């Protein structure tokens, strides 16, 4: 059996690592092998953060170029940065709400139109699903729940190696009692977007 490779990208503060932990713990509780690596980069300054998660037998946590089964990108430019990890067979779930990097503000190289980014992703992958996770998270009760919106949307990808029940249990185990209801609502809203 081949490992299922999930590459998650975004910027610091979006909950990329928490999302990986939720998926990883759910997989472990289901008796699956899990390997995880993370890159923080300039996370504290709004820079890129990525995690590589393998569910199933594997010898390395690093996802080789062109072998991601799923890309979950919390920010459009970070989806572009992840292009080397994907192939035509990769499913892509991306947040279309942009976060302007500090080094673009006032630069002669402006942030490209999100529609152009989506089209570029579609030229590289057979399945690209875009959603404004920020708006969905706000409606669910907190902008901080963007990561659970994205996880819910990703659950709709064919072949996703985890079931909804296990993911909800993992959300309940990884968030404070006070924030669990909002995060589960955000997860459900994200799931409903493509189900």
N, C-alpha and C. Protein backbone atom coordinates (compact mmCIF):
# COMPACT_ATOMS: atom_id res chain seq x y z
N UNK A 1 0.84 -1.19 0.00
CA UNK A 1 0.00 0.00 0.00
C UNK A 1 0.88 1.25 0.00
N UNK A 2 0.55 2.19 -0.86
CA UNK A 2 1.29 3.45 -0.96
C UNK A 2 0.78 4.44 0.09
N UNK A 3 1.68 5.23 0.64
CA UNK A 3 1.27 6.28 1.57
C UNK A 3 0.47 7.35 0.84
N UNK A 4 -0.46 7.97 1.55
CA UNK A 4 -1.24 9.09 1.01
C UNK A 4 -0.51 10.36 1.43
N UNK A 5 -0.09 11.17 0.45
CA UNK A 5 0.74 12.36 0.70
C UNK A 5 -0.08 13.64 0.70
N UNK A 6 -0.04 14.35 1.83
CA UNK A 6 -0.77 15.62 1.95
C UNK A 6 0.24 16.73 2.21
N UNK A 7 0.24 17.74 1.34
CA UNK A 7 1.09 18.92 1.51
C UNK A 7 0.17 20.07 1.89
N UNK A 8 0.46 20.71 3.02
CA UNK A 8 -0.36 21.83 3.49
C UNK A 8 0.50 23.08 3.53
N UNK A 9 0.03 24.15 2.89
CA UNK A 9 0.81 25.38 2.84
C UNK A 9 -0.05 26.58 3.21
N UNK A 10 0.63 27.62 3.69
CA UNK A 10 -0.04 28.86 4.05
C UNK A 10 0.96 29.81 4.67
N UNK A 11 0.45 30.74 5.47
CA UNK A 11 1.34 31.69 6.15
C UNK A 11 1.16 31.54 7.66
N UNK A 12 2.15 32.03 8.36
CA UNK A 12 2.14 31.92 9.82
C UNK A 12 0.86 32.45 10.43
N UNK A 13 0.33 31.71 11.39
CA UNK A 13 -0.86 32.13 12.11
C UNK A 13 -2.16 31.58 11.55
N UNK A 14 -2.10 30.83 10.44
CA UNK A 14 -3.33 30.31 9.84
C UNK A 14 -3.73 28.93 10.38
N UNK A 15 -2.89 28.32 11.20
CA UNK A 15 -3.25 27.03 11.76
C UNK A 15 -2.86 25.83 10.91
N UNK A 16 -1.81 25.99 10.12
CA UNK A 16 -1.36 24.91 9.25
C UNK A 16 -0.90 23.71 10.08
N UNK A 17 -0.08 23.97 11.08
CA UNK A 17 0.46 22.88 11.90
C UNK A 17 -0.65 22.21 12.70
N UNK A 18 -1.56 22.99 13.23
CA UNK A 18 -2.70 22.41 13.98
C UNK A 18 -3.51 21.50 13.07
N UNK A 19 -3.73 21.91 11.84
CA UNK A 19 -4.48 21.08 10.90
C UNK A 19 -3.78 19.75 10.67
N UNK A 20 -2.46 19.79 10.52
CA UNK A 20 -1.68 18.57 10.34
C UNK A 20 -1.80 17.65 11.55
N UNK A 21 -1.77 18.24 12.73
CA UNK A 21 -1.90 17.46 13.96
C UNK A 21 -3.27 16.80 14.04
N UNK A 22 -4.32 17.55 13.70
CA UNK A 22 -5.68 16.99 13.72
C UNK A 22 -5.77 15.79 12.77
N UNK A 23 -5.27 15.95 11.55
CA UNK A 23 -5.31 14.84 10.59
C UNK A 23 -4.45 13.68 11.07
N UNK A 24 -3.22 13.98 11.51
CA UNK A 24 -2.30 12.94 11.94
C UNK A 24 -2.81 12.14 13.12
N UNK A 25 -3.35 12.82 14.12
CA UNK A 25 -3.87 12.12 15.30
C UNK A 25 -5.08 11.26 14.94
N UNK A 26 -5.93 11.78 14.05
CA UNK A 26 -7.09 10.99 13.61
C UNK A 26 -6.62 9.72 12.91
N UNK A 27 -5.60 9.85 12.07
CA UNK A 27 -5.07 8.69 11.35
C UNK A 27 -4.45 7.68 12.31
N UNK A 28 -3.69 8.17 13.30
CA UNK A 28 -3.08 7.25 14.27
C UNK A 28 -4.14 6.50 15.08
N UNK A 29 -5.20 7.20 15.46
CA UNK A 29 -6.27 6.54 16.21
C UNK A 29 -7.00 5.51 15.36
N UNK A 30 -6.90 5.65 14.04
CA UNK A 30 -7.49 4.67 13.13
C UNK A 30 -6.51 3.54 12.83
N UNK A 31 -5.35 3.57 13.50
CA UNK A 31 -4.37 2.50 13.34
C UNK A 31 -3.46 2.65 12.14
N UNK A 32 -3.39 3.85 11.56
CA UNK A 32 -2.54 4.05 10.39
C UNK A 32 -1.19 4.64 10.80
N UNK A 33 -0.19 4.36 10.01
CA UNK A 33 1.13 4.96 10.21
C UNK A 33 1.08 6.42 9.75
N UNK A 34 1.80 7.29 10.47
CA UNK A 34 1.81 8.72 10.12
C UNK A 34 3.23 9.26 10.24
N UNK A 35 3.66 10.00 9.24
CA UNK A 35 4.91 10.75 9.30
C UNK A 35 4.59 12.21 8.99
N UNK A 36 5.21 13.13 9.73
CA UNK A 36 4.91 14.56 9.58
C UNK A 36 6.20 15.35 9.67
N UNK A 37 6.34 16.33 8.78
CA UNK A 37 7.44 17.30 8.92
C UNK A 37 6.85 18.68 8.70
N UNK A 38 7.52 19.67 9.26
CA UNK A 38 7.00 21.04 9.13
C UNK A 38 8.14 22.02 8.89
N UNK A 39 7.81 23.07 8.14
CA UNK A 39 8.75 24.16 7.89
C UNK A 39 8.07 25.45 8.31
N UNK A 40 8.69 26.12 9.29
CA UNK A 40 8.11 27.36 9.82
C UNK A 40 8.52 28.59 9.04
N UNK A 41 9.72 28.61 8.48
CA UNK A 41 10.17 29.78 7.73
C UNK A 41 10.08 31.04 8.56
N UNK A 42 9.52 32.05 7.95
CA UNK A 42 9.35 33.35 8.62
C UNK A 42 7.93 33.46 9.17
N UNK A 43 7.47 32.42 9.80
CA UNK A 43 6.08 32.34 10.25
C UNK A 43 5.67 33.51 11.14
N UNK A 44 6.56 33.93 12.03
CA UNK A 44 6.19 35.00 12.95
C UNK A 44 6.03 36.34 12.25
N UNK A 45 6.52 36.45 11.05
CA UNK A 45 6.40 37.70 10.28
C UNK A 45 5.42 37.54 9.12
N UNK A 46 4.54 36.55 9.21
CA UNK A 46 3.56 36.33 8.15
C UNK A 46 4.13 35.59 6.97
N UNK A 47 5.28 34.94 7.15
CA UNK A 47 5.92 34.21 6.07
C UNK A 47 5.35 32.82 5.90
N UNK A 48 5.89 32.10 4.96
CA UNK A 48 5.37 30.79 4.59
C UNK A 48 5.57 29.72 5.65
N UNK A 49 4.56 28.87 5.76
CA UNK A 49 4.60 27.69 6.62
C UNK A 49 4.08 26.54 5.79
N UNK A 50 4.73 25.39 5.90
CA UNK A 50 4.22 24.21 5.20
C UNK A 50 4.44 22.98 6.05
N UNK A 51 3.58 22.01 5.85
CA UNK A 51 3.76 20.72 6.50
C UNK A 51 3.60 19.64 5.43
N UNK A 52 4.30 18.55 5.66
CA UNK A 52 4.22 17.40 4.77
C UNK A 52 3.78 16.23 5.63
N UNK A 53 2.68 15.61 5.25
CA UNK A 53 2.05 14.57 6.05
C UNK A 53 1.85 13.34 5.18
N UNK A 54 2.35 12.21 5.67
CA UNK A 54 2.18 10.95 4.95
C UNK A 54 1.39 9.99 5.83
N UNK A 55 0.32 9.46 5.28
CA UNK A 55 -0.50 8.50 6.00
C UNK A 55 -0.34 7.15 5.30
N UNK A 56 0.22 6.20 6.02
CA UNK A 56 0.51 4.89 5.46
C UNK A 56 2.00 4.63 5.50
N UNK A 57 2.44 3.46 5.05
CA UNK A 57 3.85 3.10 5.15
C UNK A 57 4.74 4.02 4.32
N UNK A 58 5.80 4.49 4.95
CA UNK A 58 6.74 5.38 4.26
C UNK A 58 8.06 5.39 5.01
N UNK A 59 9.14 5.72 4.31
CA UNK A 59 10.46 5.77 4.93
C UNK A 59 10.92 7.20 5.21
N UNK A 60 10.20 8.18 4.68
CA UNK A 60 10.59 9.58 4.86
C UNK A 60 9.34 10.45 4.93
N UNK A 61 9.41 11.50 5.72
CA UNK A 61 8.27 12.41 5.82
C UNK A 61 8.25 13.44 4.70
N UNK A 62 9.32 13.50 3.91
CA UNK A 62 9.40 14.48 2.82
C UNK A 62 8.66 13.96 1.59
N UNK A 63 7.79 14.80 1.05
CA UNK A 63 7.05 14.45 -0.16
C UNK A 63 7.90 14.83 -1.37
N UNK A 64 8.22 13.86 -2.18
CA UNK A 64 9.04 14.11 -3.37
C UNK A 64 8.26 14.98 -4.37
N UNK A 65 8.99 15.68 -5.22
CA UNK A 65 8.35 16.54 -6.22
C UNK A 65 7.37 15.74 -7.07
N UNK A 66 6.20 16.32 -7.28
CA UNK A 66 5.19 15.72 -8.13
C UNK A 66 4.46 14.53 -7.56
N UNK A 67 4.59 14.28 -6.24
CA UNK A 67 3.96 13.08 -5.66
C UNK A 67 2.90 13.37 -4.61
N UNK A 68 2.52 14.63 -4.41
CA UNK A 68 1.46 14.93 -3.44
C UNK A 68 0.13 14.41 -3.98
N UNK A 69 -0.61 13.71 -3.15
CA UNK A 69 -1.97 13.29 -3.52
C UNK A 69 -2.94 14.44 -3.32
N UNK A 70 -2.63 15.29 -2.32
CA UNK A 70 -3.52 16.39 -1.96
C UNK A 70 -2.69 17.59 -1.55
N UNK A 71 -3.03 18.75 -2.09
CA UNK A 71 -2.48 20.03 -1.63
C UNK A 71 -3.62 20.79 -1.00
N UNK A 72 -3.43 21.18 0.26
CA UNK A 72 -4.38 22.07 0.93
C UNK A 72 -3.62 23.37 1.13
N UNK A 73 -4.03 24.42 0.44
CA UNK A 73 -3.33 25.69 0.55
C UNK A 73 -4.23 26.74 1.16
N UNK A 74 -3.75 27.34 2.24
CA UNK A 74 -4.53 28.32 2.99
C UNK A 74 -4.40 29.72 2.41
N UNK A 75 -3.55 29.89 1.38
CA UNK A 75 -3.30 31.22 0.80
C UNK A 75 -2.88 31.02 -0.65
N UNK A 76 -3.42 31.83 -1.59
CA UNK A 76 -3.16 31.61 -3.02
C UNK A 76 -1.69 31.61 -3.44
N UNK A 77 -0.90 32.59 -3.00
CA UNK A 77 0.51 32.61 -3.40
C UNK A 77 1.25 31.40 -2.87
N UNK A 78 0.86 30.94 -1.68
CA UNK A 78 1.50 29.76 -1.11
C UNK A 78 1.13 28.51 -1.91
N UNK A 79 -0.04 28.53 -2.57
CA UNK A 79 -0.40 27.42 -3.47
C UNK A 79 0.59 27.40 -4.64
N UNK A 80 0.90 28.58 -5.19
CA UNK A 80 1.88 28.65 -6.29
C UNK A 80 3.25 28.14 -5.86
N UNK A 81 3.65 28.49 -4.65
CA UNK A 81 4.95 28.03 -4.15
C UNK A 81 5.00 26.50 -4.02
N UNK A 82 3.83 25.89 -3.87
CA UNK A 82 3.76 24.44 -3.69
C UNK A 82 3.69 23.69 -5.03
N UNK A 83 3.68 24.40 -6.15
CA UNK A 83 3.55 23.74 -7.46
C UNK A 83 4.52 22.58 -7.69
N UNK A 84 5.78 22.68 -7.24
CA UNK A 84 6.68 21.54 -7.48
C UNK A 84 6.21 20.22 -6.84
N UNK A 85 5.39 20.31 -5.81
CA UNK A 85 4.93 19.10 -5.11
C UNK A 85 3.79 18.39 -5.82
N UNK A 86 3.13 19.09 -6.77
CA UNK A 86 1.91 18.51 -7.34
C UNK A 86 2.13 17.99 -8.76
N UNK A 87 1.14 17.23 -9.21
CA UNK A 87 1.10 16.72 -10.59
C UNK A 87 -0.35 16.80 -11.06
N UNK A 88 -0.61 16.35 -12.27
CA UNK A 88 -1.99 16.33 -12.79
C UNK A 88 -2.89 15.46 -11.91
N UNK A 89 -2.32 14.50 -11.18
CA UNK A 89 -3.11 13.60 -10.35
C UNK A 89 -3.39 14.14 -8.96
N UNK A 90 -2.82 15.30 -8.62
CA UNK A 90 -2.99 15.90 -7.30
C UNK A 90 -4.33 16.62 -7.21
N UNK A 91 -5.03 16.41 -6.11
CA UNK A 91 -6.23 17.20 -5.82
C UNK A 91 -5.77 18.45 -5.07
N UNK A 92 -6.33 19.60 -5.44
CA UNK A 92 -5.96 20.88 -4.80
C UNK A 92 -7.20 21.51 -4.19
N UNK A 93 -7.09 21.86 -2.92
CA UNK A 93 -8.12 22.63 -2.22
C UNK A 93 -7.43 23.90 -1.76
N UNK A 94 -7.89 25.05 -2.27
CA UNK A 94 -7.19 26.29 -1.94
C UNK A 94 -8.13 27.41 -1.50
N UNK A 95 -7.65 28.13 -0.51
CA UNK A 95 -8.33 29.33 -0.04
C UNK A 95 -8.06 30.44 -1.06
N UNK A 96 -9.10 31.13 -1.50
CA UNK A 96 -8.92 32.20 -2.48
C UNK A 96 -8.75 33.58 -1.83
N UNK A 97 -8.84 33.64 -0.50
CA UNK A 97 -8.64 34.92 0.20
C UNK A 97 -7.14 35.14 0.37
N UNK A 98 -6.66 36.27 -0.14
CA UNK A 98 -5.22 36.51 -0.12
C UNK A 98 -4.77 37.24 1.14
N UNK A 99 -3.52 37.01 1.49
CA UNK A 99 -2.85 37.72 2.57
C UNK A 99 -1.62 38.35 1.92
N UNK A 100 -1.56 39.66 1.90
CA UNK A 100 -0.44 40.34 1.24
C UNK A 100 0.85 40.14 2.04
N UNK A 101 1.86 39.52 1.43
CA UNK A 101 3.15 39.37 2.12
C UNK A 101 3.78 40.73 2.36
N UNK A 102 4.50 40.85 3.47
CA UNK A 102 5.11 42.13 3.81
C UNK A 102 6.08 42.61 2.73
N UNK A 103 6.71 41.69 2.00
CA UNK A 103 7.68 42.11 1.00
C UNK A 103 7.05 42.50 -0.34
N UNK A 104 5.74 42.36 -0.48
CA UNK A 104 5.05 42.79 -1.71
C UNK A 104 4.47 44.19 -1.53
N UNK A 105 4.11 44.53 -0.30
CA UNK A 105 3.50 45.83 -0.06
C UNK A 105 4.48 46.93 -0.48
N UNK A 106 4.06 47.75 -1.42
CA UNK A 106 4.89 48.83 -1.93
C UNK A 106 5.91 48.38 -2.96
N UNK A 107 5.89 47.11 -3.34
CA UNK A 107 6.85 46.58 -4.31
C UNK A 107 6.38 46.88 -5.73
N UNK A 108 7.32 46.85 -6.66
CA UNK A 108 6.95 47.02 -8.07
C UNK A 108 6.38 45.73 -8.64
N UNK A 109 6.45 44.64 -7.87
CA UNK A 109 5.86 43.36 -8.26
C UNK A 109 4.60 43.13 -7.46
N UNK A 110 3.45 43.52 -7.99
CA UNK A 110 2.21 43.41 -7.22
C UNK A 110 1.74 41.96 -7.08
N UNK A 111 0.83 41.76 -6.14
CA UNK A 111 0.21 40.46 -5.94
C UNK A 111 -0.60 40.15 -7.20
N UNK A 112 -0.39 38.98 -7.81
CA UNK A 112 -1.13 38.66 -9.04
C UNK A 112 -2.62 38.46 -8.75
N UNK A 113 -3.48 38.68 -9.74
CA UNK A 113 -4.91 38.43 -9.53
C UNK A 113 -5.14 36.97 -9.13
N UNK A 114 -6.00 36.77 -8.15
CA UNK A 114 -6.29 35.41 -7.66
C UNK A 114 -6.84 34.54 -8.79
N UNK A 115 -7.60 35.14 -9.71
CA UNK A 115 -8.12 34.35 -10.83
C UNK A 115 -6.98 33.77 -11.67
N UNK A 116 -5.88 34.54 -11.82
CA UNK A 116 -4.72 34.04 -12.56
C UNK A 116 -4.05 32.88 -11.81
N UNK A 117 -4.00 33.00 -10.48
CA UNK A 117 -3.40 31.93 -9.67
C UNK A 117 -4.23 30.65 -9.80
N UNK A 118 -5.56 30.79 -9.72
CA UNK A 118 -6.44 29.63 -9.84
C UNK A 118 -6.26 28.97 -11.22
N UNK A 119 -6.17 29.77 -12.26
CA UNK A 119 -5.98 29.22 -13.61
C UNK A 119 -4.64 28.49 -13.73
N UNK A 120 -3.60 29.05 -13.12
CA UNK A 120 -2.29 28.38 -13.13
C UNK A 120 -2.37 27.04 -12.42
N UNK A 121 -3.07 27.01 -11.28
CA UNK A 121 -3.23 25.75 -10.55
C UNK A 121 -3.99 24.73 -11.40
N UNK A 122 -5.01 25.20 -12.10
CA UNK A 122 -5.81 24.30 -12.95
C UNK A 122 -5.00 23.76 -14.13
N UNK A 123 -4.00 24.50 -14.56
CA UNK A 123 -3.17 24.01 -15.65
C UNK A 123 -2.22 22.90 -15.19
N UNK A 124 -2.04 22.77 -13.88
CA UNK A 124 -1.11 21.78 -13.33
C UNK A 124 -1.81 20.60 -12.65
N UNK A 125 -3.09 20.75 -12.33
CA UNK A 125 -3.81 19.72 -11.58
C UNK A 125 -5.17 19.45 -12.21
N UNK A 126 -5.61 18.20 -12.15
CA UNK A 126 -6.90 17.82 -12.72
C UNK A 126 -8.08 18.27 -11.88
N UNK A 127 -7.83 18.60 -10.61
CA UNK A 127 -8.93 18.89 -9.69
C UNK A 127 -8.54 20.02 -8.75
N UNK A 128 -9.05 21.22 -9.01
CA UNK A 128 -8.77 22.38 -8.17
C UNK A 128 -10.09 22.92 -7.64
N UNK A 129 -10.20 22.96 -6.32
CA UNK A 129 -11.39 23.52 -5.68
C UNK A 129 -10.96 24.76 -4.91
N UNK A 130 -11.55 25.90 -5.25
CA UNK A 130 -11.25 27.15 -4.56
C UNK A 130 -12.44 27.62 -3.74
N UNK A 131 -12.14 28.18 -2.57
CA UNK A 131 -13.20 28.72 -1.72
C UNK A 131 -12.64 29.86 -0.89
N UNK A 132 -13.51 30.81 -0.54
CA UNK A 132 -13.11 31.91 0.34
C UNK A 132 -13.31 31.43 1.78
N UNK A 133 -12.29 30.80 2.32
CA UNK A 133 -12.37 30.22 3.66
C UNK A 133 -12.47 31.28 4.74
N UNK A 134 -11.98 32.47 4.47
CA UNK A 134 -12.06 33.55 5.46
C UNK A 134 -13.52 33.94 5.70
N UNK A 135 -14.27 34.13 4.61
CA UNK A 135 -15.69 34.48 4.75
C UNK A 135 -16.47 33.38 5.46
N UNK A 136 -16.19 32.14 5.09
CA UNK A 136 -16.88 31.00 5.71
C UNK A 136 -16.55 30.94 7.20
N UNK A 137 -15.28 31.14 7.56
CA UNK A 137 -14.86 31.11 8.96
C UNK A 137 -15.53 32.22 9.77
N UNK A 138 -15.62 33.41 9.18
CA UNK A 138 -16.30 34.52 9.87
C UNK A 138 -17.75 34.17 10.16
N UNK A 139 -18.43 33.58 9.18
CA UNK A 139 -19.83 33.19 9.36
C UNK A 139 -19.97 32.10 10.42
N UNK A 140 -18.95 31.25 10.52
CA UNK A 140 -18.97 30.18 11.52
C UNK A 140 -18.73 30.72 12.93
N UNK A 141 -18.17 31.92 13.03
CA UNK A 141 -18.00 32.53 14.35
C UNK A 141 -16.62 33.04 14.68
N UNK A 142 -15.60 32.69 13.87
CA UNK A 142 -14.25 33.18 14.14
C UNK A 142 -13.36 33.03 12.92
N UNK A 143 -12.67 34.10 12.56
CA UNK A 143 -11.72 34.06 11.45
C UNK A 143 -10.60 33.07 11.74
N UNK A 144 -10.37 32.78 13.01
CA UNK A 144 -9.31 31.84 13.39
C UNK A 144 -9.63 30.40 13.02
N UNK A 145 -10.84 30.15 12.56
CA UNK A 145 -11.23 28.78 12.20
C UNK A 145 -11.07 28.50 10.70
N UNK A 146 -10.32 29.34 9.99
CA UNK A 146 -10.06 29.12 8.55
C UNK A 146 -9.51 27.72 8.33
N UNK A 147 -8.61 27.28 9.22
CA UNK A 147 -8.00 25.97 9.02
C UNK A 147 -9.02 24.84 9.06
N UNK A 148 -10.04 24.95 9.89
CA UNK A 148 -11.04 23.89 9.96
C UNK A 148 -12.00 23.96 8.76
N UNK A 149 -12.21 25.16 8.21
CA UNK A 149 -12.97 25.28 6.97
C UNK A 149 -12.23 24.52 5.87
N UNK A 150 -10.93 24.73 5.80
CA UNK A 150 -10.11 24.08 4.76
C UNK A 150 -10.08 22.56 4.95
N UNK A 151 -9.99 22.12 6.19
CA UNK A 151 -9.99 20.68 6.45
C UNK A 151 -11.33 20.06 6.04
N UNK A 152 -12.42 20.73 6.37
CA UNK A 152 -13.74 20.23 5.97
C UNK A 152 -13.87 20.13 4.46
N UNK A 153 -13.40 21.15 3.76
CA UNK A 153 -13.45 21.12 2.29
C UNK A 153 -12.60 19.98 1.74
N UNK A 154 -11.42 19.76 2.33
CA UNK A 154 -10.51 18.71 1.86
C UNK A 154 -11.10 17.31 2.05
N UNK A 155 -11.96 17.15 3.02
CA UNK A 155 -12.58 15.84 3.27
C UNK A 155 -13.39 15.36 2.07
N UNK A 156 -13.80 16.27 1.19
CA UNK A 156 -14.56 15.90 -0.01
C UNK A 156 -13.71 15.34 -1.14
N UNK A 157 -12.40 15.41 -1.00
CA UNK A 157 -11.51 14.94 -2.06
C UNK A 157 -11.60 13.42 -2.17
N UNK A 158 -11.78 12.90 -3.38
CA UNK A 158 -11.82 11.44 -3.55
C UNK A 158 -10.54 10.79 -3.01
N UNK A 159 -10.70 9.75 -2.22
CA UNK A 159 -9.55 9.04 -1.68
C UNK A 159 -8.98 9.61 -0.40
N UNK A 160 -9.58 10.68 0.15
CA UNK A 160 -9.07 11.23 1.41
C UNK A 160 -9.06 10.09 2.44
N UNK A 161 -7.93 9.88 3.11
CA UNK A 161 -7.75 8.66 3.89
C UNK A 161 -8.36 8.65 5.30
N UNK A 162 -9.24 9.55 5.58
CA UNK A 162 -9.79 9.65 6.93
C UNK A 162 -11.28 9.91 6.85
N UNK A 163 -12.04 9.35 7.79
CA UNK A 163 -13.47 9.61 7.76
C UNK A 163 -13.83 10.80 8.65
N UNK A 164 -14.99 11.31 8.42
CA UNK A 164 -15.46 12.53 9.09
C UNK A 164 -15.53 12.36 10.61
N UNK A 165 -16.02 11.22 11.05
CA UNK A 165 -16.17 10.97 12.50
C UNK A 165 -14.83 11.07 13.22
N UNK A 166 -13.81 10.43 12.67
CA UNK A 166 -12.48 10.47 13.31
C UNK A 166 -11.91 11.90 13.32
N UNK A 167 -12.13 12.65 12.25
CA UNK A 167 -11.64 14.03 12.21
C UNK A 167 -12.34 14.89 13.26
N UNK A 168 -13.64 14.73 13.41
CA UNK A 168 -14.38 15.50 14.42
C UNK A 168 -13.86 15.15 15.82
N UNK A 169 -13.62 13.88 16.07
CA UNK A 169 -13.07 13.47 17.37
C UNK A 169 -11.71 14.11 17.61
N UNK A 170 -10.90 14.20 16.58
CA UNK A 170 -9.58 14.81 16.70
C UNK A 170 -9.67 16.32 16.91
N UNK A 171 -10.65 16.96 16.26
CA UNK A 171 -10.88 18.40 16.50
C UNK A 171 -11.24 18.61 17.97
N UNK A 172 -12.14 17.78 18.47
CA UNK A 172 -12.56 17.90 19.88
C UNK A 172 -11.39 17.71 20.84
N UNK A 173 -10.44 16.86 20.47
CA UNK A 173 -9.29 16.58 21.33
C UNK A 173 -8.20 17.65 21.24
N UNK A 174 -8.18 18.44 20.17
CA UNK A 174 -7.08 19.37 19.95
C UNK A 174 -7.43 20.84 20.14
N UNK A 175 -8.67 21.15 20.45
CA UNK A 175 -9.06 22.53 20.70
C UNK A 175 -9.63 22.66 22.09
N UNK A 176 -9.57 23.86 22.64
CA UNK A 176 -10.12 24.08 23.97
C UNK A 176 -11.64 23.89 23.92
N UNK A 177 -12.19 23.50 25.04
CA UNK A 177 -13.63 23.25 25.13
C UNK A 177 -14.44 24.45 24.63
N UNK A 178 -13.94 25.63 24.90
CA UNK A 178 -14.62 26.87 24.50
C UNK A 178 -14.67 27.04 22.98
N UNK A 179 -13.60 26.62 22.28
CA UNK A 179 -13.53 26.87 20.83
C UNK A 179 -13.98 25.68 19.98
N UNK A 180 -14.22 24.53 20.59
CA UNK A 180 -14.63 23.35 19.82
C UNK A 180 -15.88 23.61 18.98
N UNK A 181 -16.96 24.19 19.54
CA UNK A 181 -18.18 24.37 18.73
C UNK A 181 -17.95 25.21 17.46
N UNK A 182 -17.19 26.29 17.57
CA UNK A 182 -16.92 27.14 16.40
C UNK A 182 -16.09 26.37 15.37
N UNK A 183 -15.08 25.64 15.85
CA UNK A 183 -14.23 24.90 14.92
C UNK A 183 -14.98 23.77 14.23
N UNK A 184 -15.88 23.12 14.94
CA UNK A 184 -16.67 22.06 14.29
C UNK A 184 -17.66 22.68 13.31
N UNK A 185 -18.23 23.82 13.66
CA UNK A 185 -19.13 24.50 12.73
C UNK A 185 -18.37 24.91 11.46
N UNK A 186 -17.17 25.44 11.62
CA UNK A 186 -16.35 25.83 10.46
C UNK A 186 -16.01 24.61 9.61
N UNK A 187 -15.67 23.51 10.26
CA UNK A 187 -15.37 22.25 9.57
C UNK A 187 -16.57 21.80 8.75
N UNK A 188 -17.75 21.82 9.36
CA UNK A 188 -18.99 21.41 8.68
C UNK A 188 -19.31 22.33 7.50
N UNK A 189 -19.10 23.64 7.69
CA UNK A 189 -19.34 24.59 6.61
C UNK A 189 -18.40 24.34 5.42
N UNK A 190 -17.12 24.07 5.74
CA UNK A 190 -16.17 23.75 4.68
C UNK A 190 -16.53 22.46 3.97
N UNK A 191 -16.95 21.46 4.73
CA UNK A 191 -17.35 20.18 4.15
C UNK A 191 -18.55 20.38 3.24
N UNK A 192 -19.52 21.17 3.68
CA UNK A 192 -20.74 21.40 2.91
C UNK A 192 -20.51 22.17 1.63
N UNK A 193 -19.40 22.87 1.53
CA UNK A 193 -19.10 23.68 0.34
C UNK A 193 -19.00 22.82 -0.91
N UNK A 194 -18.46 21.61 -0.81
CA UNK A 194 -18.25 20.76 -1.98
C UNK A 194 -18.94 19.41 -1.90
N UNK A 195 -19.69 19.15 -0.83
CA UNK A 195 -20.31 17.82 -0.71
C UNK A 195 -21.57 17.70 -1.54
